[in-house]
Amino acid sequence: MRILFSDHSRDRLLERNINKSDIIEVVNNPDEIVASSRNRKLYKKRFLYKVLEVVITKEDKNIIIITAYYLEK
């Protein structure tokens, strides 16, 4: 499967200072996957003191990154 970034996600990654390599790490090795609305899934992974949550959808053989953000826990 290929990982593709939506225009929205690219903008949010820049705005939130999130590296694409971290997104790929979350998608390939999530700590948790939670079903969401509109056939989306939330992939979560802890990085030190924050959890990176990545919202994805699958289309054909592609994973499309919708957005990503840090949850502070």
PDB file of N, CA and C in Angstrom:
ATOM      1  N   MET A   1       0.840  -1.195   0.000  1.00  0.00           N
ATOM      2  CA  MET A   1       0.000   0.000   0.000  1.00  0.00           C
ATOM      3  C   MET A   1       0.879   1.251   0.000  1.00  0.00           C
ATOM      4  N   ARG A   2       0.455   2.205  -0.763  1.00  0.00           N
ATOM      5  CA  ARG A   2       1.158   3.487  -0.791  1.00  0.00           C
ATOM      6  C   ARG A   2       0.506   4.434   0.209  1.00  0.00           C
ATOM      7  N   ILE A   3       1.303   5.295   0.793  1.00  0.00           N
ATOM      8  CA  ILE A   3       0.798   6.316   1.706  1.00  0.00           C
ATOM      9  C   ILE A   3       0.808   7.642   0.958  1.00  0.00           C
ATOM     10  N   LEU A   4      -0.372   8.230   0.816  1.00  0.00           N
ATOM     11  CA  LEU A   4      -0.526   9.499   0.120  1.00  0.00           C
ATOM     12  C   LEU A   4      -0.994  10.569   1.098  1.00  0.00           C
ATOM     13  N   PHE A   5      -0.554  11.793   0.892  1.00  0.00           N
ATOM     14  CA  PHE A   5      -0.912  12.908   1.764  1.00  0.00           C
ATOM     15  C   PHE A   5      -1.867  13.840   1.031  1.00  0.00           C
ATOM     16  N   SER A   6      -3.023  14.110   1.641  1.00  0.00           N
ATOM     17  CA  SER A   6      -3.963  15.068   1.059  1.00  0.00           C
ATOM     18  C   SER A   6      -3.367  16.475   1.172  1.00  0.00           C
ATOM     19  N   ASP A   7      -3.892  17.398   0.391  1.00  0.00           N
ATOM     20  CA  ASP A   7      -3.443  18.791   0.484  1.00  0.00           C
ATOM     21  C   ASP A   7      -3.669  19.323   1.896  1.00  0.00           C
ATOM     22  N   HIS A   8      -4.816  18.994   2.457  1.00  0.00           N
ATOM     23  CA  HIS A   8      -5.136  19.433   3.817  1.00  0.00           C
ATOM     24  C   HIS A   8      -4.097  18.920   4.815  1.00  0.00           C
ATOM     25  N   SER A   9      -3.739  17.648   4.694  1.00  0.00           N
ATOM     26  CA  SER A   9      -2.775  17.085   5.642  1.00  0.00           C
ATOM     27  C   SER A   9      -1.403  17.745   5.496  1.00  0.00           C
ATOM     28  N   ARG A  10      -0.987  18.020   4.275  1.00  0.00           N
ATOM     29  CA  ARG A  10       0.307  18.691   4.081  1.00  0.00           C
ATOM     30  C   ARG A  10       0.329  20.054   4.777  1.00  0.00           C
ATOM     31  N   ASP A  11      -0.777  20.790   4.635  1.00  0.00           N
ATOM     32  CA  ASP A  11      -0.880  22.102   5.290  1.00  0.00           C
ATOM     33  C   ASP A  11      -0.828  21.963   6.811  1.00  0.00           C
ATOM     34  N   ARG A  12      -1.578  20.997   7.354  1.00  0.00           N
ATOM     35  CA  ARG A  12      -1.619  20.809   8.813  1.00  0.00           C
ATOM     36  C   ARG A  12      -0.270  20.336   9.356  1.00  0.00           C
ATOM     37  N   LEU A  13       0.441  19.485   8.617  1.00  0.00           N
ATOM     38  CA  LEU A  13       1.754  19.016   9.071  1.00  0.00           C
ATOM     39  C   LEU A  13       2.726  20.182   9.191  1.00  0.00           C
ATOM     40  N   LEU A  14       2.709  21.065   8.220  1.00  0.00           N
ATOM     41  CA  LEU A  14       3.574  22.253   8.283  1.00  0.00           C
ATOM     42  C   LEU A  14       3.176  23.144   9.455  1.00  0.00           C
ATOM     43  N   GLU A  15       1.885  23.390   9.581  1.00  0.00           N
ATOM     44  CA  GLU A  15       1.366  24.246  10.636  1.00  0.00           C
ATOM     45  C   GLU A  15       1.680  23.690  12.027  1.00  0.00           C
ATOM     46  N   ARG A  16       1.619  22.365  12.176  1.00  0.00           N
ATOM     47  CA  ARG A  16       1.788  21.717  13.481  1.00  0.00           C
ATOM     48  C   ARG A  16       3.192  21.149  13.699  1.00  0.00           C
ATOM     49  N   ASN A  17       4.066  21.407  12.740  1.00  0.00           N
ATOM     50  CA  ASN A  17       5.465  20.972  12.836  1.00  0.00           C
ATOM     51  C   ASN A  17       5.583  19.454  13.064  1.00  0.00           C
ATOM     52  N   ILE A  18       4.881  18.694  12.238  1.00  0.00           N
ATOM     53  CA  ILE A  18       4.900  17.234  12.317  1.00  0.00           C
ATOM     54  C   ILE A  18       5.641  16.709  11.086  1.00  0.00           C
ATOM     55  N   ASN A  19       6.589  15.802  11.315  1.00  0.00           N
ATOM     56  CA  ASN A  19       7.377  15.235  10.223  1.00  0.00           C
ATOM     57  C   ASN A  19       6.627  14.114   9.515  1.00  0.00           C
ATOM     58  N   LYS A  20       6.796  14.050   8.205  1.00  0.00           N
ATOM     59  CA  LYS A  20       6.195  12.959   7.436  1.00  0.00           C
ATOM     60  C   LYS A  20       6.724  11.603   7.897  1.00  0.00           C
ATOM     61  N   SER A  21       7.977  11.566   8.311  1.00  0.00           N
ATOM     62  CA  SER A  21       8.548  10.298   8.778  1.00  0.00           C
ATOM     63  C   SER A  21       7.828   9.795  10.035  1.00  0.00           C
ATOM     64  N   ASP A  22       7.377  10.717  10.889  1.00  0.00           N
ATOM     65  CA  ASP A  22       6.609  10.316  12.071  1.00  0.00           C
ATOM     66  C   ASP A  22       5.237   9.773  11.669  1.00  0.00           C
ATOM     67  N   ILE A  23       4.636  10.372  10.665  1.00  0.00           N
ATOM     68  CA  ILE A  23       3.337   9.898  10.166  1.00  0.00           C
ATOM     69  C   ILE A  23       3.486   8.472   9.640  1.00  0.00           C
ATOM     70  N   ILE A  24       4.524   8.242   8.863  1.00  0.00           N
ATOM     71  CA  ILE A  24       4.762   6.913   8.299  1.00  0.00           C
ATOM     72  C   ILE A  24       4.995   5.896   9.410  1.00  0.00           C
ATOM     73  N   GLU A  25       5.709   6.294  10.456  1.00  0.00           N
ATOM     74  CA  GLU A  25       5.941   5.416  11.606  1.00  0.00           C
ATOM     75  C   GLU A  25       4.620   5.042  12.286  1.00  0.00           C
ATOM     76  N   VAL A  26       3.735   6.019  12.450  1.00  0.00           N
ATOM     77  CA  VAL A  26       2.434   5.760  13.076  1.00  0.00           C
ATOM     78  C   VAL A  26       1.615   4.797  12.223  1.00  0.00           C
ATOM     79  N   VAL A  27       1.590   5.018  10.932  1.00  0.00           N
ATOM     80  CA  VAL A  27       0.793   4.172  10.037  1.00  0.00           C
ATOM     81  C   VAL A  27       1.348   2.745   9.996  1.00  0.00           C
ATOM     82  N   ASN A  28       2.646   2.613   9.978  1.00  0.00           N
ATOM     83  CA  ASN A  28       3.263   1.282   9.896  1.00  0.00           C
ATOM     84  C   ASN A  28       3.303   0.545  11.228  1.00  0.00           C
ATOM     85  N   ASN A  29       3.348   1.284  12.344  1.00  0.00           N
ATOM     86  CA  ASN A  29       3.495   0.667  13.675  1.00  0.00           C
ATOM     87  C   ASN A  29       2.623   1.360  14.718  1.00  0.00           C
ATOM     88  N   PRO A  30       1.311   1.396  14.540  1.00  0.00           N
ATOM     89  CA  PRO A  30       0.460   2.099  15.503  1.00  0.00           C
ATOM     90  C   PRO A  30       0.387   1.364  16.840  1.00  0.00           C
ATOM     91  N   ASP A  31       0.203   2.125  17.904  1.00  0.00           N
ATOM     92  CA  ASP A  31      -0.075   1.533  19.218  1.00  0.00           C
ATOM     93  C   ASP A  31      -1.553   1.141  19.304  1.00  0.00           C
ATOM     94  N   GLU A  32      -2.383   1.891  18.579  1.00  0.00           N
ATOM     95  CA  GLU A  32      -3.829   1.675  18.638  1.00  0.00           C
ATOM     96  C   GLU A  32      -4.459   2.150  17.331  1.00  0.00           C
ATOM     97  N   ILE A  33      -5.510   1.446  16.902  1.00  0.00           N
ATOM     98  CA  ILE A  33      -6.297   1.855  15.732  1.00  0.00           C
ATOM     99  C   ILE A  33      -7.752   1.900  16.175  1.00  0.00           C
ATOM    100  N   VAL A  34      -8.412   3.032  15.927  1.00  0.00           N
ATOM    101  CA  VAL A  34      -9.794   3.223  16.346  1.00  0.00           C
ATOM    102  C   VAL A  34     -10.629   3.593  15.120  1.00  0.00           C
ATOM    103  N   ALA A  35     -11.788   2.964  14.977  1.00  0.00           N
ATOM    104  CA  ALA A  35     -12.698   3.306  13.885  1.00  0.00           C
ATOM    105  C   ALA A  35     -13.275   4.698  14.126  1.00  0.00           C
ATOM    106  N   SER A  36     -13.485   5.421  13.045  1.00  0.00           N
ATOM    107  CA  SER A  36     -14.030   6.768  13.123  1.00  0.00           C
ATOM    108  C   SER A  36     -15.173   6.878  12.115  1.00  0.00           C
ATOM    109  N   SER A  37     -15.701   8.077  11.958  1.00  0.00           N
ATOM    110  CA  SER A  37     -16.813   8.283  11.031  1.00  0.00           C
ATOM    111  C   SER A  37     -16.342   8.310   9.575  1.00  0.00           C
ATOM    112  N   ARG A  38     -17.253   8.149   8.679  1.00  0.00           N
ATOM    113  CA  ARG A  38     -17.021   8.222   7.227  1.00  0.00           C
ATOM    114  C   ARG A  38     -15.897   7.302   6.747  1.00  0.00           C
ATOM    115  N   ASN A  39     -15.873   6.073   7.260  1.00  0.00           N
ATOM    116  CA  ASN A  39     -14.880   5.064   6.872  1.00  0.00           C
ATOM    117  C   ASN A  39     -13.445   5.489   7.149  1.00  0.00           C
ATOM    118  N   ARG A  40     -13.265   6.351   8.114  1.00  0.00           N
ATOM    119  CA  ARG A  40     -11.928   6.785   8.495  1.00  0.00           C
ATOM    120  C   ARG A  40     -11.467   5.995   9.711  1.00  0.00           C
ATOM    121  N   LYS A  41     -10.166   5.993   9.932  1.00  0.00           N
ATOM    122  CA  LYS A  41      -9.593   5.352  11.107  1.00  0.00           C
ATOM    123  C   LYS A  41      -8.598   6.300  11.747  1.00  0.00           C
ATOM    124  N   LEU A  42      -8.489   6.183  13.060  1.00  0.00           N
ATOM    125  CA  LEU A  42      -7.526   6.970  13.813  1.00  0.00           C
ATOM    126  C   LEU A  42      -6.386   6.044  14.214  1.00  0.00           C
ATOM    127  N   TYR A  43      -5.211   6.332  13.738  1.00  0.00           N
ATOM    128  CA  TYR A  43      -4.011   5.584  14.104  1.00  0.00           C
ATOM    129  C   TYR A  43      -3.284   6.404  15.161  1.00  0.00           C
ATOM    130  N   LYS A  44      -2.937   5.759  16.289  1.00  0.00           N
ATOM    131  CA  LYS A  44      -2.311   6.479  17.393  1.00  0.00           C
ATOM    132  C   LYS A  44      -0.991   5.823  17.782  1.00  0.00           C
ATOM    133  N   LYS A  45      -0.028   6.671  18.126  1.00  0.00           N
ATOM    134  CA  LYS A  45       1.268   6.177  18.605  1.00  0.00           C
ATOM    135  C   LYS A  45       1.862   7.205  19.564  1.00  0.00           C
ATOM    136  N   ARG A  46       2.407   6.708  20.667  1.00  0.00           N
ATOM    137  CA  ARG A  46       3.031   7.585  21.660  1.00  0.00           C
ATOM    138  C   ARG A  46       4.471   7.895  21.268  1.00  0.00           C
ATOM    139  N   PHE A  47       4.804   9.185  21.317  1.00  0.00           N
ATOM    140  CA  PHE A  47       6.163   9.683  21.138  1.00  0.00           C
ATOM    141  C   PHE A  47       6.490  10.495  22.386  1.00  0.00           C
ATOM    142  N   LEU A  48       7.299   9.933  23.256  1.00  0.00           N
ATOM    143  CA  LEU A  48       7.663  10.563  24.533  1.00  0.00           C
ATOM    144  C   LEU A  48       6.413  10.949  25.314  1.00  0.00           C
ATOM    145  N   TYR A  49       6.140  12.247  25.447  1.00  0.00           N
ATOM    146  CA  TYR A  49       5.034  12.713  26.288  1.00  0.00           C
ATOM    147  C   TYR A  49       3.775  13.050  25.502  1.00  0.00           C
ATOM    148  N   LYS A  50       3.780  12.789  24.216  1.00  0.00           N
ATOM    149  CA  LYS A  50       2.626  13.113  23.386  1.00  0.00           C
ATOM    150  C   LYS A  50       2.223  11.903  22.552  1.00  0.00           C
ATOM    151  N   VAL A  51       0.950  11.872  22.216  1.00  0.00           N
ATOM    152  CA  VAL A  51       0.433  10.846  21.314  1.00  0.00           C
ATOM    153  C   VAL A  51       0.154  11.518  19.983  1.00  0.00           C
ATOM    154  N   LEU A  52       0.704  10.960  18.921  1.00  0.00           N
ATOM    155  CA  LEU A  52       0.432  11.460  17.583  1.00  0.00           C
ATOM    156  C   LEU A  52      -0.749  10.675  17.030  1.00  0.00           C
ATOM    157  N   GLU A  53      -1.793  11.400  16.661  1.00  0.00           N
ATOM    158  CA  GLU A  53      -2.989  10.774  16.096  1.00  0.00           C
ATOM    159  C   GLU A  53      -3.060  11.139  14.618  1.00  0.00           C
ATOM    160  N   VAL A  54      -3.211  10.126  13.784  1.00  0.00           N
ATOM    161  CA  VAL A  54      -3.255  10.315  12.335  1.00  0.00           C
ATOM    162  C   VAL A  54      -4.604   9.806  11.841  1.00  0.00           C
ATOM    163  N   VAL A  55      -5.325  10.656  11.121  1.00  0.00           N
ATOM    164  CA  VAL A  55      -6.622  10.287  10.564  1.00  0.00           C
ATOM    165  C   VAL A  55      -6.396   9.841   9.134  1.00  0.00           C
ATOM    166  N   ILE A  56      -6.827   8.601   8.835  1.00  0.00           N
ATOM    167  CA  ILE A  56      -6.599   8.055   7.495  1.00  0.00           C
ATOM    168  C   ILE A  56      -7.895   7.510   6.906  1.00  0.00           C
ATOM    169  N   THR A  57      -7.865   7.334   5.618  1.00  0.00           N
ATOM    170  CA  THR A  57      -8.890   6.593   4.906  1.00  0.00           C
ATOM    171  C   THR A  57      -8.167   5.718   3.895  1.00  0.00           C
ATOM    172  N   LYS A  58      -8.811   4.656   3.499  1.00  0.00           N
ATOM    173  CA  LYS A  58      -8.207   3.774   2.499  1.00  0.00           C
ATOM    174  C   LYS A  58      -9.012   3.872   1.214  1.00  0.00           C
ATOM    175  N   GLU A  59      -8.279   3.968   0.112  1.00  0.00           N
ATOM    176  CA  GLU A  59      -8.892   4.092  -1.202  1.00  0.00           C
ATOM    177  C   GLU A  59      -8.122   3.191  -2.150  1.00  0.00           C
ATOM    178  N   ASP A  60      -8.795   2.192  -2.681  1.00  0.00           N
ATOM    179  CA  ASP A  60      -8.143   1.177  -3.505  1.00  0.00           C
ATOM    180  C   ASP A  60      -6.998   0.559  -2.700  1.00  0.00           C
ATOM    181  N   LYS A  61      -5.785   0.660  -3.183  1.00  0.00           N
ATOM    182  CA  LYS A  61      -4.629   0.104  -2.467  1.00  0.00           C
ATOM    183  C   LYS A  61      -3.788   1.198  -1.820  1.00  0.00           C
ATOM    184  N   ASN A  62      -4.414   2.344  -1.560  1.00  0.00           N
ATOM    185  CA  ASN A  62      -3.693   3.480  -0.991  1.00  0.00           C
ATOM    186  C   ASN A  62      -4.230   3.845   0.386  1.00  0.00           C
ATOM    187  N   ILE A  63      -3.331   4.318   1.230  1.00  0.00           N
ATOM    188  CA  ILE A  63      -3.709   4.923   2.503  1.00  0.00           C
ATOM    189  C   ILE A  63      -3.574   6.421   2.305  1.00  0.00           C
ATOM    190  N   ILE A  64      -4.663   7.143   2.556  1.00  0.00           N
ATOM    191  CA  ILE A  64      -4.643   8.593   2.380  1.00  0.00           C
ATOM    192  C   ILE A  64      -4.675   9.248   3.752  1.00  0.00           C
ATOM    193  N   ILE A  65      -3.691  10.081   4.008  1.00  0.00           N
ATOM    194  CA  ILE A  65      -3.603  10.815   5.264  1.00  0.00           C
ATOM    195  C   ILE A  65      -4.511  12.037   5.153  1.00  0.00           C
ATOM    196  N   ILE A  66      -5.486  12.113   6.059  1.00  0.00           N
ATOM    197  CA  ILE A  66      -6.433  13.227   6.064  1.00  0.00           C
ATOM    198  C   ILE A  66      -5.883  14.383   6.897  1.00  0.00           C
ATOM    199  N   THR A  67      -5.423  14.072   8.114  1.00  0.00           N
ATOM    200  CA  THR A  67      -4.848  15.079   9.001  1.00  0.00           C
ATOM    201  C   THR A  67      -4.073  14.360  10.110  1.00  0.00           C
ATOM    202  N   ALA A  68      -3.343  15.122  10.885  1.00  0.00           N
ATOM    203  CA  ALA A  68      -2.604  14.566  12.022  1.00  0.00           C
ATOM    204  C   ALA A  68      -2.428  15.661  13.057  1.00  0.00           C
ATOM    205  N   TYR A  69      -2.369  15.243  14.323  1.00  0.00           N
ATOM    206  CA  TYR A  69      -2.217  16.192  15.423  1.00  0.00           C
ATOM    207  C   TYR A  69      -1.721  15.450  16.642  1.00  0.00           C
ATOM    208  N   TYR A  70      -1.132  16.188  17.573  1.00  0.00           N
ATOM    209  CA  TYR A  70      -0.661  15.622  18.830  1.00  0.00           C
ATOM    210  C   TYR A  70      -1.738  15.762  19.892  1.00  0.00           C
ATOM    211  N   LEU A  71      -1.937  14.694  20.661  1.00  0.00           N
ATOM    212  CA  LEU A  71      -2.771  14.725  21.851  1.00  0.00           C
ATOM    213  C   LEU A  71      -1.834  14.778  23.037  1.00  0.00           C
ATOM    214  N   GLU A  72      -2.048  15.665  23.951  1.00  0.00           N
ATOM    215  CA  GLU A  72      -1.180  15.723  25.131  1.00  0.00           C
ATOM    216  C   GLU A  72      -1.810  14.904  26.238  1.00  0.00           C
ATOM    217  N   LYS A  73      -1.062  13.908  26.738  1.00  0.00           N
ATOM    218  CA  LYS A  73      -1.579  13.043  27.800  1.00  0.00           C
ATOM    219  C   LYS A  73      -0.551  12.876  28.858  1.00  0.00           C
TER     220      LYS A  73
END
